[in-house]
């Protein structure tokens, strides 16, 4: 398998934009990859945007983002208060906010939702990502859920077990409001990481997976 590496110097200020419809999406979808990038590029600039929340969820999201970005030199964490489940019906306002983000931050790499996701909020964020950022490297992450919409990703970030455990511990600790959901468990998260590790022949057994529609080599 051909491996494409970030060949930037370790002191490079890599600019990363993380977009999530809900308060735990970024962490579940690309939390391990972010932790790995921060280890490699401590001068990373990370702009983290969550679109839906209420007061409790916003507090959890802020705590969680700060845990994941603790070692990042530059970070901006924004939690918006659009209504969960209704993003397509407030699309104009969400699009306006995307344009504000575009004016304030120019990323090298964007993490967003998978366009084939069956959750309507996730799909809208993915569509507006591509609609707004036309010449950027965009990786679409996946979220396990009841809808059963996991597909066949084509980009993998291989992770070791210790880093996966950090990711999952951060998630479970940061979001007590989600603890009663039957799928919000350590074995769910480990299972997907292990499956993607198998698919990418990860030497340390685990990986996060993404969809890349356009890659220029």
N, C-alpha and C. Protein backbone atom coordinates (compact mmCIF):
# COMPACT_ATOMS: atom_id res chain seq x y z
N UNK A 1 0.85 -1.20 0.00
CA UNK A 1 0.00 0.00 0.00
C UNK A 1 0.88 1.24 0.00
N UNK A 2 0.59 2.19 -0.90
CA UNK A 2 1.36 3.43 -0.98
C UNK A 2 0.99 4.34 0.18
N UNK A 3 2.00 4.85 0.88
CA UNK A 3 1.77 5.74 2.01
C UNK A 3 2.16 7.17 1.62
N UNK A 4 1.24 8.10 1.86
CA UNK A 4 1.49 9.51 1.62
C UNK A 4 1.65 10.18 2.98
N UNK A 5 2.77 10.85 3.19
CA UNK A 5 3.06 11.43 4.50
C UNK A 5 3.03 12.95 4.44
N UNK A 6 2.63 13.57 5.56
CA UNK A 6 2.86 14.99 5.72
C UNK A 6 4.37 15.17 5.83
N UNK A 7 4.96 15.87 4.88
CA UNK A 7 6.41 16.01 4.89
C UNK A 7 6.83 17.40 5.36
N UNK A 8 6.00 18.01 6.18
CA UNK A 8 6.31 19.34 6.70
C UNK A 8 7.29 19.24 7.86
N UNK A 9 8.15 20.24 8.05
CA UNK A 9 9.02 20.24 9.22
C UNK A 9 8.21 20.25 10.51
N UNK A 10 8.77 19.69 11.58
CA UNK A 10 8.03 19.54 12.82
C UNK A 10 7.62 20.89 13.43
N UNK A 11 8.34 21.97 13.10
CA UNK A 11 7.99 23.28 13.66
C UNK A 11 7.00 24.04 12.79
N UNK A 12 6.44 23.36 11.78
CA UNK A 12 5.47 23.99 10.90
C UNK A 12 4.17 24.27 11.65
N UNK A 13 3.58 25.44 11.39
CA UNK A 13 2.30 25.78 12.00
C UNK A 13 1.17 25.31 11.10
N UNK A 14 0.91 24.00 11.14
CA UNK A 14 -0.15 23.41 10.33
C UNK A 14 -1.50 23.98 10.77
N UNK A 15 -2.29 24.42 9.81
CA UNK A 15 -3.58 25.04 10.11
C UNK A 15 -4.70 24.04 9.82
N UNK A 16 -5.43 23.66 10.87
CA UNK A 16 -6.44 22.62 10.76
C UNK A 16 -7.80 23.17 11.18
N UNK A 17 -8.80 22.95 10.34
CA UNK A 17 -10.18 23.33 10.65
C UNK A 17 -10.99 22.07 10.91
N UNK A 18 -11.62 22.00 12.08
CA UNK A 18 -12.44 20.85 12.48
C UNK A 18 -13.89 21.29 12.57
N UNK A 19 -14.76 20.63 11.83
CA UNK A 19 -16.17 21.01 11.77
C UNK A 19 -17.03 19.84 12.23
N UNK A 20 -17.93 20.09 13.17
CA UNK A 20 -18.80 19.04 13.67
C UNK A 20 -20.21 19.55 13.86
N UNK A 21 -21.20 18.78 13.43
CA UNK A 21 -22.58 19.18 13.61
C UNK A 21 -22.98 19.16 15.08
N UNK A 22 -22.48 18.15 15.81
CA UNK A 22 -22.87 17.97 17.21
C UNK A 22 -21.64 17.98 18.11
N UNK A 23 -21.90 18.03 19.40
CA UNK A 23 -20.83 18.34 20.35
C UNK A 23 -19.78 17.25 20.50
N UNK A 24 -20.04 16.02 20.09
CA UNK A 24 -19.03 14.97 20.21
C UNK A 24 -18.56 14.44 18.86
N UNK A 25 -19.02 15.03 17.77
CA UNK A 25 -18.73 14.48 16.44
C UNK A 25 -17.24 14.55 16.08
N UNK A 26 -16.63 15.68 16.30
CA UNK A 26 -15.22 15.84 15.94
C UNK A 26 -14.36 14.83 16.69
N UNK A 27 -14.63 14.69 17.98
CA UNK A 27 -13.85 13.78 18.81
C UNK A 27 -13.98 12.33 18.33
N UNK A 28 -15.23 11.92 18.05
CA UNK A 28 -15.45 10.55 17.61
C UNK A 28 -14.86 10.33 16.22
N UNK A 29 -15.04 11.28 15.33
CA UNK A 29 -14.64 11.10 13.95
C UNK A 29 -13.15 11.21 13.69
N UNK A 30 -12.49 12.16 14.36
CA UNK A 30 -11.07 12.38 14.05
C UNK A 30 -10.23 12.74 15.27
N UNK A 31 -10.72 12.41 16.47
CA UNK A 31 -10.00 12.77 17.69
C UNK A 31 -8.61 12.16 17.78
N UNK A 32 -8.46 10.90 17.40
CA UNK A 32 -7.15 10.26 17.45
C UNK A 32 -6.18 10.88 16.46
N UNK A 33 -6.66 11.19 15.27
CA UNK A 33 -5.82 11.83 14.25
C UNK A 33 -5.35 13.19 14.73
N UNK A 34 -6.25 13.94 15.35
CA UNK A 34 -5.86 15.25 15.87
C UNK A 34 -4.78 15.13 16.95
N UNK A 35 -4.95 14.17 17.84
CA UNK A 35 -3.93 13.97 18.88
C UNK A 35 -2.58 13.63 18.25
N UNK A 36 -2.60 12.84 17.20
CA UNK A 36 -1.37 12.46 16.53
C UNK A 36 -0.75 13.65 15.81
N UNK A 37 -1.57 14.46 15.16
CA UNK A 37 -1.05 15.65 14.47
C UNK A 37 -0.46 16.65 15.46
N UNK A 38 -1.10 16.79 16.61
CA UNK A 38 -0.58 17.72 17.62
C UNK A 38 0.76 17.25 18.16
N UNK A 39 0.92 15.93 18.33
CA UNK A 39 2.21 15.39 18.76
C UNK A 39 3.30 15.72 17.73
N UNK A 40 2.95 15.61 16.46
CA UNK A 40 3.93 15.82 15.40
C UNK A 40 4.17 17.31 15.12
N UNK A 41 3.12 18.11 15.21
CA UNK A 41 3.22 19.54 14.92
C UNK A 41 2.70 20.35 16.11
N UNK A 42 3.52 20.50 17.14
CA UNK A 42 3.06 21.21 18.35
C UNK A 42 2.68 22.66 18.09
N UNK A 43 3.19 23.25 16.99
CA UNK A 43 2.84 24.63 16.66
C UNK A 43 1.57 24.69 15.81
N UNK A 44 0.79 23.65 15.84
CA UNK A 44 -0.42 23.55 15.05
C UNK A 44 -1.41 24.66 15.40
N UNK A 45 -2.12 25.16 14.41
CA UNK A 45 -3.22 26.09 14.62
C UNK A 45 -4.52 25.32 14.37
N UNK A 46 -5.35 25.20 15.38
CA UNK A 46 -6.56 24.40 15.26
C UNK A 46 -7.79 25.26 15.52
N UNK A 47 -8.65 25.33 14.53
CA UNK A 47 -9.92 26.07 14.63
C UNK A 47 -11.03 25.03 14.72
N UNK A 48 -11.72 24.97 15.84
CA UNK A 48 -12.66 23.88 16.17
C UNK A 48 -14.06 24.47 16.27
N UNK A 49 -14.98 24.03 15.40
CA UNK A 49 -16.32 24.60 15.36
C UNK A 49 -17.38 23.52 15.50
N UNK A 50 -18.25 23.68 16.49
CA UNK A 50 -19.41 22.81 16.69
C UNK A 50 -20.65 23.65 16.41
N UNK A 51 -21.62 23.09 15.70
CA UNK A 51 -22.75 23.89 15.24
C UNK A 51 -24.00 23.80 16.09
N UNK A 52 -24.30 22.67 16.71
CA UNK A 52 -25.52 22.56 17.52
C UNK A 52 -25.16 22.29 18.97
N UNK A 53 -25.94 22.87 19.87
CA UNK A 53 -25.70 22.64 21.30
C UNK A 53 -26.86 23.22 22.11
N UNK A 54 -26.88 22.85 23.36
CA UNK A 54 -27.63 23.57 24.38
C UNK A 54 -26.64 23.89 25.49
N UNK A 55 -27.10 24.44 26.59
CA UNK A 55 -26.15 24.88 27.63
C UNK A 55 -25.30 23.73 28.16
N UNK A 56 -25.93 22.61 28.48
CA UNK A 56 -25.17 21.48 29.03
C UNK A 56 -24.19 20.92 28.00
N UNK A 57 -24.68 20.73 26.79
CA UNK A 57 -23.84 20.16 25.75
C UNK A 57 -22.70 21.11 25.38
N UNK A 58 -22.96 22.41 25.40
CA UNK A 58 -21.91 23.38 25.08
C UNK A 58 -20.79 23.33 26.11
N UNK A 59 -21.17 23.19 27.37
CA UNK A 59 -20.15 23.08 28.43
C UNK A 59 -19.31 21.82 28.23
N UNK A 60 -19.97 20.71 27.93
CA UNK A 60 -19.25 19.46 27.68
C UNK A 60 -18.33 19.59 26.48
N UNK A 61 -18.83 20.20 25.41
CA UNK A 61 -18.04 20.32 24.19
C UNK A 61 -16.80 21.16 24.41
N UNK A 62 -16.93 22.22 25.18
CA UNK A 62 -15.78 23.09 25.45
C UNK A 62 -14.73 22.36 26.28
N UNK A 63 -15.18 21.63 27.28
CA UNK A 63 -14.26 20.83 28.09
C UNK A 63 -13.54 19.81 27.22
N UNK A 64 -14.30 19.12 26.39
CA UNK A 64 -13.72 18.09 25.54
C UNK A 64 -12.71 18.66 24.56
N UNK A 65 -13.08 19.73 23.88
CA UNK A 65 -12.16 20.34 22.90
C UNK A 65 -10.87 20.76 23.57
N UNK A 66 -10.97 21.33 24.75
CA UNK A 66 -9.76 21.74 25.46
C UNK A 66 -8.91 20.54 25.86
N UNK A 67 -9.53 19.42 26.16
CA UNK A 67 -8.75 18.22 26.47
C UNK A 67 -7.99 17.74 25.23
N UNK A 68 -8.68 17.68 24.11
CA UNK A 68 -8.03 17.20 22.90
C UNK A 68 -6.96 18.17 22.41
N UNK A 69 -7.17 19.46 22.61
CA UNK A 69 -6.23 20.47 22.09
C UNK A 69 -5.29 21.00 23.16
N UNK A 70 -5.19 20.30 24.26
CA UNK A 70 -4.38 20.78 25.40
C UNK A 70 -2.96 21.12 24.98
N UNK A 71 -2.34 20.32 24.13
CA UNK A 71 -0.95 20.52 23.77
C UNK A 71 -0.78 21.32 22.48
N UNK A 72 -1.87 21.81 21.92
CA UNK A 72 -1.77 22.64 20.71
C UNK A 72 -1.39 24.06 21.10
N UNK A 73 -0.46 24.63 20.39
CA UNK A 73 0.03 25.98 20.72
C UNK A 73 -1.03 27.05 20.44
N UNK A 74 -1.83 26.84 19.39
CA UNK A 74 -2.82 27.84 18.98
C UNK A 74 -4.15 27.14 18.76
N UNK A 75 -5.19 27.61 19.42
CA UNK A 75 -6.50 26.98 19.26
C UNK A 75 -7.61 28.01 19.38
N UNK A 76 -8.67 27.75 18.66
CA UNK A 76 -9.88 28.56 18.74
C UNK A 76 -11.05 27.60 18.78
N UNK A 77 -11.81 27.63 19.87
CA UNK A 77 -12.93 26.70 20.06
C UNK A 77 -14.23 27.50 20.04
N UNK A 78 -15.12 27.15 19.12
CA UNK A 78 -16.39 27.85 18.98
C UNK A 78 -17.52 26.83 19.02
N UNK A 79 -18.49 27.05 19.89
CA UNK A 79 -19.66 26.18 19.98
C UNK A 79 -20.89 27.03 19.70
N UNK A 80 -21.50 26.78 18.56
CA UNK A 80 -22.71 27.50 18.17
C UNK A 80 -23.94 26.85 18.81
N UNK A 81 -25.09 27.50 18.69
CA UNK A 81 -26.30 27.02 19.37
C UNK A 81 -27.45 26.76 18.41
N UNK A 82 -27.12 26.34 17.17
CA UNK A 82 -28.19 25.91 16.28
C UNK A 82 -28.88 24.68 16.88
N UNK A 83 -30.14 24.44 16.48
CA UNK A 83 -30.93 23.37 17.08
C UNK A 83 -30.57 22.01 16.48
N UNK A 84 -30.27 21.06 17.36
CA UNK A 84 -29.93 19.69 16.96
C UNK A 84 -31.07 19.08 16.16
N UNK A 85 -30.72 18.51 15.00
CA UNK A 85 -31.71 17.85 14.17
C UNK A 85 -32.39 18.75 13.15
N UNK A 86 -32.14 20.06 13.22
CA UNK A 86 -32.85 21.01 12.37
C UNK A 86 -31.92 21.80 11.44
N UNK A 87 -30.67 21.41 11.32
CA UNK A 87 -29.74 22.22 10.53
C UNK A 87 -30.19 22.47 9.09
N UNK A 88 -30.74 21.47 8.39
CA UNK A 88 -31.15 21.76 7.01
C UNK A 88 -32.22 22.84 6.92
N UNK A 89 -32.99 23.04 7.99
CA UNK A 89 -34.06 24.03 7.97
C UNK A 89 -33.55 25.43 8.34
N UNK A 90 -32.30 25.49 8.78
CA UNK A 90 -31.66 26.79 9.06
C UNK A 90 -30.42 26.93 8.19
N UNK A 91 -30.47 26.33 7.01
CA UNK A 91 -29.31 26.28 6.14
C UNK A 91 -28.72 27.62 5.78
N UNK A 92 -29.57 28.62 5.56
CA UNK A 92 -29.06 29.94 5.18
C UNK A 92 -28.19 30.53 6.29
N UNK A 93 -28.66 30.43 7.53
CA UNK A 93 -27.89 30.96 8.65
C UNK A 93 -26.58 30.18 8.84
N UNK A 94 -26.65 28.86 8.67
CA UNK A 94 -25.44 28.05 8.81
C UNK A 94 -24.44 28.41 7.71
N UNK A 95 -24.93 28.60 6.49
CA UNK A 95 -24.06 29.00 5.39
C UNK A 95 -23.41 30.35 5.66
N UNK A 96 -24.16 31.28 6.21
CA UNK A 96 -23.59 32.59 6.55
C UNK A 96 -22.45 32.43 7.55
N UNK A 97 -22.61 31.51 8.51
CA UNK A 97 -21.54 31.32 9.47
C UNK A 97 -20.32 30.68 8.82
N UNK A 98 -20.54 29.77 7.90
CA UNK A 98 -19.41 29.19 7.14
C UNK A 98 -18.60 30.30 6.46
N UNK A 99 -19.29 31.26 5.89
CA UNK A 99 -18.59 32.35 5.22
C UNK A 99 -17.77 33.17 6.21
N UNK A 100 -18.28 33.34 7.43
CA UNK A 100 -17.51 34.04 8.47
C UNK A 100 -16.24 33.27 8.81
N UNK A 101 -16.38 31.96 8.94
CA UNK A 101 -15.20 31.13 9.23
C UNK A 101 -14.17 31.27 8.12
N UNK A 102 -14.63 31.23 6.89
CA UNK A 102 -13.72 31.34 5.74
C UNK A 102 -12.95 32.64 5.74
N UNK A 103 -13.59 33.72 6.17
CA UNK A 103 -12.93 35.02 6.22
C UNK A 103 -11.92 35.12 7.36
N UNK A 104 -12.11 34.33 8.40
CA UNK A 104 -11.27 34.48 9.60
C UNK A 104 -10.14 33.47 9.69
N UNK A 105 -10.23 32.36 8.93
CA UNK A 105 -9.25 31.29 9.08
C UNK A 105 -9.07 30.57 7.75
N UNK A 106 -7.84 30.44 7.30
CA UNK A 106 -7.55 29.77 6.04
C UNK A 106 -6.80 28.47 6.33
N UNK A 107 -7.47 27.34 6.32
CA UNK A 107 -6.86 26.08 6.76
C UNK A 107 -6.02 25.40 5.67
N UNK A 108 -5.07 24.60 6.12
CA UNK A 108 -4.35 23.68 5.23
C UNK A 108 -5.12 22.37 5.09
N UNK A 109 -5.83 21.99 6.15
CA UNK A 109 -6.51 20.71 6.21
C UNK A 109 -7.85 20.89 6.92
N UNK A 110 -8.90 20.29 6.36
CA UNK A 110 -10.23 20.40 6.95
C UNK A 110 -10.77 19.01 7.26
N UNK A 111 -11.28 18.83 8.46
CA UNK A 111 -12.01 17.62 8.83
C UNK A 111 -13.49 17.96 8.92
N UNK A 112 -14.31 17.19 8.22
CA UNK A 112 -15.76 17.42 8.23
C UNK A 112 -16.47 16.09 8.13
N UNK A 113 -17.79 16.13 8.11
CA UNK A 113 -18.59 14.91 8.05
C UNK A 113 -18.55 14.27 6.67
N UNK A 114 -18.79 12.97 6.66
CA UNK A 114 -18.91 12.17 5.44
C UNK A 114 -20.21 12.55 4.72
N UNK A 115 -20.12 12.86 3.42
CA UNK A 115 -21.31 13.29 2.70
C UNK A 115 -22.36 12.20 2.59
N UNK A 116 -21.95 10.94 2.68
CA UNK A 116 -22.90 9.84 2.62
C UNK A 116 -23.55 9.52 3.96
N UNK A 117 -23.28 10.32 4.97
CA UNK A 117 -23.87 10.11 6.30
C UNK A 117 -25.38 10.29 6.22
N UNK A 118 -26.13 9.42 6.91
CA UNK A 118 -27.59 9.48 6.85
C UNK A 118 -28.21 10.48 7.81
N UNK A 119 -27.40 11.07 8.68
CA UNK A 119 -27.95 12.10 9.56
C UNK A 119 -27.99 13.42 8.81
N UNK A 120 -29.14 14.05 8.80
CA UNK A 120 -29.33 15.26 8.00
C UNK A 120 -28.41 16.40 8.42
N UNK A 121 -28.14 16.54 9.71
CA UNK A 121 -27.23 17.60 10.18
C UNK A 121 -25.82 17.36 9.65
N UNK A 122 -25.38 16.10 9.70
CA UNK A 122 -24.04 15.76 9.24
C UNK A 122 -23.89 16.07 7.75
N UNK A 123 -24.91 15.67 6.97
CA UNK A 123 -24.83 15.89 5.51
C UNK A 123 -24.74 17.37 5.17
N UNK A 124 -25.51 18.19 5.89
CA UNK A 124 -25.48 19.62 5.59
C UNK A 124 -24.11 20.22 5.85
N UNK A 125 -23.50 19.85 6.98
CA UNK A 125 -22.17 20.37 7.29
C UNK A 125 -21.17 19.94 6.23
N UNK A 126 -21.26 18.69 5.77
CA UNK A 126 -20.37 18.23 4.72
C UNK A 126 -20.59 19.01 3.43
N UNK A 127 -21.84 19.18 3.04
CA UNK A 127 -22.14 19.89 1.79
C UNK A 127 -21.65 21.33 1.84
N UNK A 128 -21.87 22.00 2.96
CA UNK A 128 -21.44 23.39 3.07
C UNK A 128 -19.93 23.52 3.17
N UNK A 129 -19.26 22.49 3.69
CA UNK A 129 -17.79 22.50 3.70
C UNK A 129 -17.27 22.58 2.27
N UNK A 130 -17.79 21.70 1.42
CA UNK A 130 -17.34 21.68 0.02
C UNK A 130 -17.81 22.91 -0.74
N UNK A 131 -18.97 23.41 -0.39
CA UNK A 131 -19.50 24.59 -1.04
C UNK A 131 -18.70 25.84 -0.71
N UNK A 132 -18.14 25.88 0.50
CA UNK A 132 -17.45 27.07 0.98
C UNK A 132 -15.96 27.03 0.70
N UNK A 133 -15.34 25.87 0.92
CA UNK A 133 -13.88 25.74 0.76
C UNK A 133 -13.61 24.96 -0.53
N UNK A 134 -13.27 25.68 -1.58
CA UNK A 134 -13.23 25.11 -2.92
C UNK A 134 -11.85 24.60 -3.34
N UNK A 135 -10.82 24.97 -2.61
CA UNK A 135 -9.47 24.58 -3.03
C UNK A 135 -8.64 24.17 -1.82
N UNK A 136 -9.18 23.26 -1.04
CA UNK A 136 -8.56 22.84 0.21
C UNK A 136 -8.52 21.32 0.30
N UNK A 137 -7.64 20.82 1.15
CA UNK A 137 -7.62 19.38 1.43
C UNK A 137 -8.69 19.08 2.47
N UNK A 138 -9.68 18.30 2.07
CA UNK A 138 -10.82 17.99 2.93
C UNK A 138 -10.89 16.49 3.16
N UNK A 139 -10.93 16.10 4.43
CA UNK A 139 -11.11 14.70 4.80
C UNK A 139 -12.43 14.57 5.55
N UNK A 140 -13.27 13.65 5.08
CA UNK A 140 -14.58 13.44 5.68
C UNK A 140 -14.51 12.26 6.66
N UNK A 141 -14.89 12.50 7.90
CA UNK A 141 -14.82 11.44 8.91
C UNK A 141 -16.16 10.73 9.06
N UNK A 142 -16.14 9.63 9.79
CA UNK A 142 -17.33 8.79 9.95
C UNK A 142 -17.76 8.72 11.41
N UNK A 143 -19.07 8.56 11.61
CA UNK A 143 -19.65 8.45 12.95
C UNK A 143 -20.48 7.16 13.01
N UNK A 144 -20.16 6.20 13.90
CA UNK A 144 -21.00 5.00 14.02
C UNK A 144 -22.36 5.36 14.61
N UNK A 145 -23.41 4.75 14.09
CA UNK A 145 -24.75 5.09 14.58
C UNK A 145 -25.75 4.00 14.21
N UNK A 146 -26.95 4.13 14.71
CA UNK A 146 -28.04 3.17 14.47
C UNK A 146 -28.35 3.04 12.98
N UNK A 147 -28.19 4.12 12.22
CA UNK A 147 -28.58 4.14 10.81
C UNK A 147 -27.76 3.17 9.95
N UNK A 148 -26.59 2.75 10.42
CA UNK A 148 -25.80 1.78 9.69
C UNK A 148 -25.29 2.29 8.36
N UNK A 149 -24.65 3.46 8.39
CA UNK A 149 -24.21 4.08 7.13
C UNK A 149 -22.69 4.05 6.94
N UNK A 150 -22.00 3.16 7.64
CA UNK A 150 -20.56 3.06 7.43
C UNK A 150 -20.28 2.56 6.02
N UNK A 151 -19.30 3.18 5.37
CA UNK A 151 -19.00 2.84 4.00
C UNK A 151 -17.60 2.28 3.83
N UNK A 152 -16.98 2.61 2.70
CA UNK A 152 -15.66 2.11 2.36
C UNK A 152 -14.72 3.31 2.23
N UNK A 153 -14.10 3.73 3.33
CA UNK A 153 -13.22 4.90 3.29
C UNK A 153 -11.94 4.61 2.52
N UNK A 154 -11.24 5.67 2.12
CA UNK A 154 -10.04 5.48 1.29
C UNK A 154 -8.79 6.17 1.83
N UNK A 155 -8.88 6.77 3.03
CA UNK A 155 -7.72 7.38 3.67
C UNK A 155 -7.69 6.91 5.12
N UNK A 156 -6.52 6.51 5.61
CA UNK A 156 -6.41 5.98 6.96
C UNK A 156 -5.27 6.65 7.70
N UNK A 157 -5.53 7.02 8.96
CA UNK A 157 -4.48 7.48 9.87
C UNK A 157 -4.27 6.36 10.89
N UNK A 158 -3.12 5.73 10.85
CA UNK A 158 -2.84 4.61 11.73
C UNK A 158 -2.43 5.12 13.12
N UNK A 159 -2.97 4.49 14.14
CA UNK A 159 -2.81 4.94 15.53
C UNK A 159 -2.35 3.78 16.40
N UNK A 160 -1.66 4.11 17.50
CA UNK A 160 -1.30 3.06 18.44
C UNK A 160 -2.36 2.96 19.52
N UNK A 161 -2.30 1.89 20.30
CA UNK A 161 -3.34 1.62 21.29
C UNK A 161 -3.41 2.68 22.37
N UNK A 162 -2.25 3.18 22.82
CA UNK A 162 -2.23 4.18 23.87
C UNK A 162 -2.94 5.45 23.43
N UNK A 163 -2.72 5.85 22.19
CA UNK A 163 -3.38 7.06 21.70
C UNK A 163 -4.89 6.83 21.56
N UNK A 164 -5.28 5.64 21.11
CA UNK A 164 -6.70 5.32 21.04
C UNK A 164 -7.36 5.36 22.41
N UNK A 165 -6.67 4.86 23.39
CA UNK A 165 -7.21 4.89 24.75
C UNK A 165 -7.37 6.32 25.24
N UNK A 166 -6.42 7.18 24.92
CA UNK A 166 -6.54 8.60 25.28
C UNK A 166 -7.76 9.21 24.64
N UNK A 167 -7.94 8.96 23.36
CA UNK A 167 -9.10 9.48 22.64
C UNK A 167 -10.39 9.05 23.33
N UNK A 168 -10.54 7.75 23.57
CA UNK A 168 -11.78 7.23 24.11
C UNK A 168 -12.01 7.70 25.55
N UNK A 169 -10.96 7.77 26.33
CA UNK A 169 -11.10 8.27 27.71
C UNK A 169 -11.56 9.72 27.70
N UNK A 170 -10.99 10.54 26.83
CA UNK A 170 -11.41 11.94 26.73
C UNK A 170 -12.90 12.02 26.39
N UNK A 171 -13.35 11.21 25.44
CA UNK A 171 -14.74 11.25 25.01
C UNK A 171 -15.68 10.84 26.14
N UNK A 172 -15.42 9.70 26.76
CA UNK A 172 -16.32 9.18 27.79
C UNK A 172 -16.34 10.09 29.02
N UNK A 173 -15.20 10.70 29.32
CA UNK A 173 -15.13 11.59 30.49
C UNK A 173 -15.81 12.93 30.22
N UNK A 174 -15.72 13.40 28.99
CA UNK A 174 -16.19 14.74 28.68
C UNK A 174 -17.69 14.84 28.46
N UNK A 175 -18.34 13.72 28.12
CA UNK A 175 -19.75 13.79 27.73
C UNK A 175 -20.63 12.89 28.60
N UNK A 176 -20.77 13.21 29.89
CA UNK A 176 -21.62 12.38 30.75
C UNK A 176 -23.08 12.37 30.32
N UNK A 177 -23.53 13.40 29.61
CA UNK A 177 -24.93 13.45 29.18
C UNK A 177 -25.24 12.35 28.16
N UNK A 178 -24.22 11.79 27.53
CA UNK A 178 -24.43 10.77 26.51
C UNK A 178 -24.24 9.35 27.04
N UNK A 179 -23.91 9.22 28.32
CA UNK A 179 -23.48 7.92 28.86
C UNK A 179 -24.58 6.86 28.83
N UNK A 180 -25.85 7.25 28.79
CA UNK A 180 -26.94 6.27 28.78
C UNK A 180 -27.30 5.80 27.38
N UNK A 181 -26.68 6.38 26.36
CA UNK A 181 -26.94 5.91 25.00
C UNK A 181 -26.27 4.56 24.80
N UNK A 182 -26.99 3.61 24.22
CA UNK A 182 -26.50 2.24 24.16
C UNK A 182 -25.24 2.10 23.32
N UNK A 183 -25.00 3.03 22.41
CA UNK A 183 -23.82 2.91 21.53
C UNK A 183 -22.63 3.71 22.03
N UNK A 184 -22.84 4.57 23.02
CA UNK A 184 -21.80 5.48 23.47
C UNK A 184 -20.92 4.78 24.51
N UNK A 185 -20.12 3.82 24.04
CA UNK A 185 -19.33 2.98 24.92
C UNK A 185 -17.92 2.81 24.36
N UNK A 186 -17.01 2.44 25.23
CA UNK A 186 -15.62 2.26 24.80
C UNK A 186 -15.50 1.17 23.75
N UNK A 187 -16.27 0.06 23.90
CA UNK A 187 -16.12 -1.03 22.94
C UNK A 187 -16.61 -0.64 21.55
N UNK A 188 -17.61 0.25 21.46
CA UNK A 188 -18.03 0.76 20.15
C UNK A 188 -16.89 1.47 19.45
N UNK A 189 -16.25 2.38 20.17
CA UNK A 189 -15.20 3.19 19.58
C UNK A 189 -13.97 2.34 19.24
N UNK A 190 -13.63 1.44 20.14
CA UNK A 190 -12.49 0.55 19.87
C UNK A 190 -12.77 -0.36 18.68
N UNK A 191 -14.01 -0.82 18.56
CA UNK A 191 -14.35 -1.74 17.48
C UNK A 191 -14.13 -1.10 16.11
N UNK A 192 -14.57 0.16 15.96
CA UNK A 192 -14.39 0.83 14.68
C UNK A 192 -12.92 1.12 14.41
N UNK A 193 -12.20 1.53 15.44
CA UNK A 193 -10.76 1.77 15.29
C UNK A 193 -10.03 0.48 14.89
N UNK A 194 -10.44 -0.63 15.47
CA UNK A 194 -9.80 -1.91 15.15
C UNK A 194 -10.14 -2.36 13.73
N UNK A 195 -11.40 -2.20 13.34
CA UNK A 195 -11.80 -2.56 11.98
C UNK A 195 -11.01 -1.77 10.95
N UNK A 196 -10.89 -0.47 11.14
CA UNK A 196 -10.15 0.34 10.19
C UNK A 196 -8.65 0.03 10.26
N UNK A 197 -8.19 -0.41 11.41
CA UNK A 197 -6.81 -0.87 11.50
C UNK A 197 -6.57 -2.11 10.66
N UNK A 198 -7.52 -3.03 10.67
CA UNK A 198 -7.42 -4.23 9.83
C UNK A 198 -7.38 -3.84 8.36
N UNK A 199 -8.27 -2.94 7.98
CA UNK A 199 -8.37 -2.56 6.56
C UNK A 199 -7.13 -1.84 6.05
N UNK A 200 -6.38 -1.21 6.95
CA UNK A 200 -5.18 -0.46 6.53
C UNK A 200 -3.89 -1.17 6.92
N UNK A 201 -3.99 -2.41 7.40
CA UNK A 201 -2.81 -3.17 7.85
C UNK A 201 -1.98 -2.36 8.84
N UNK A 202 -2.64 -1.76 9.80
CA UNK A 202 -1.96 -0.91 10.76
C UNK A 202 -1.02 -1.73 11.64
N UNK A 203 0.24 -1.36 11.75
CA UNK A 203 1.19 -2.14 12.55
C UNK A 203 0.82 -2.20 14.02
N UNK A 204 0.15 -1.16 14.52
CA UNK A 204 -0.28 -1.15 15.91
C UNK A 204 -1.77 -1.45 16.06
N UNK A 205 -2.39 -1.96 14.98
CA UNK A 205 -3.73 -2.56 15.00
C UNK A 205 -4.90 -1.59 14.86
N UNK A 206 -4.68 -0.29 15.00
CA UNK A 206 -5.80 0.64 15.02
C UNK A 206 -5.62 1.75 13.99
N UNK A 207 -6.75 2.32 13.56
CA UNK A 207 -6.70 3.45 12.62
C UNK A 207 -8.03 4.19 12.64
N UNK A 208 -7.99 5.47 12.29
CA UNK A 208 -9.18 6.23 11.94
C UNK A 208 -9.25 6.33 10.43
N UNK A 209 -10.47 6.36 9.89
CA UNK A 209 -10.63 6.32 8.44
C UNK A 209 -11.41 7.54 7.96
N UNK A 210 -11.12 7.94 6.71
CA UNK A 210 -11.70 9.14 6.13
C UNK A 210 -12.00 8.91 4.65
N UNK A 211 -12.81 9.79 4.12
CA UNK A 211 -13.12 9.81 2.70
C UNK A 211 -12.48 11.05 2.09
N UNK A 212 -11.69 10.85 1.06
CA UNK A 212 -11.07 11.97 0.34
C UNK A 212 -11.58 11.96 -1.09
N UNK A 213 -12.31 12.98 -1.48
CA UNK A 213 -12.84 13.04 -2.83
C UNK A 213 -11.82 13.57 -3.84
N UNK A 214 -10.91 14.41 -3.35
CA UNK A 214 -9.90 14.98 -4.25
C UNK A 214 -8.55 15.04 -3.53
N UNK A 215 -7.55 14.40 -4.11
CA UNK A 215 -6.18 14.45 -3.61
C UNK A 215 -5.27 14.75 -4.79
N UNK A 216 -4.45 15.79 -4.66
CA UNK A 216 -3.48 16.11 -5.70
C UNK A 216 -2.12 15.66 -5.24
N UNK A 217 -1.45 14.82 -6.01
CA UNK A 217 -0.12 14.29 -5.65
C UNK A 217 0.93 15.00 -6.49
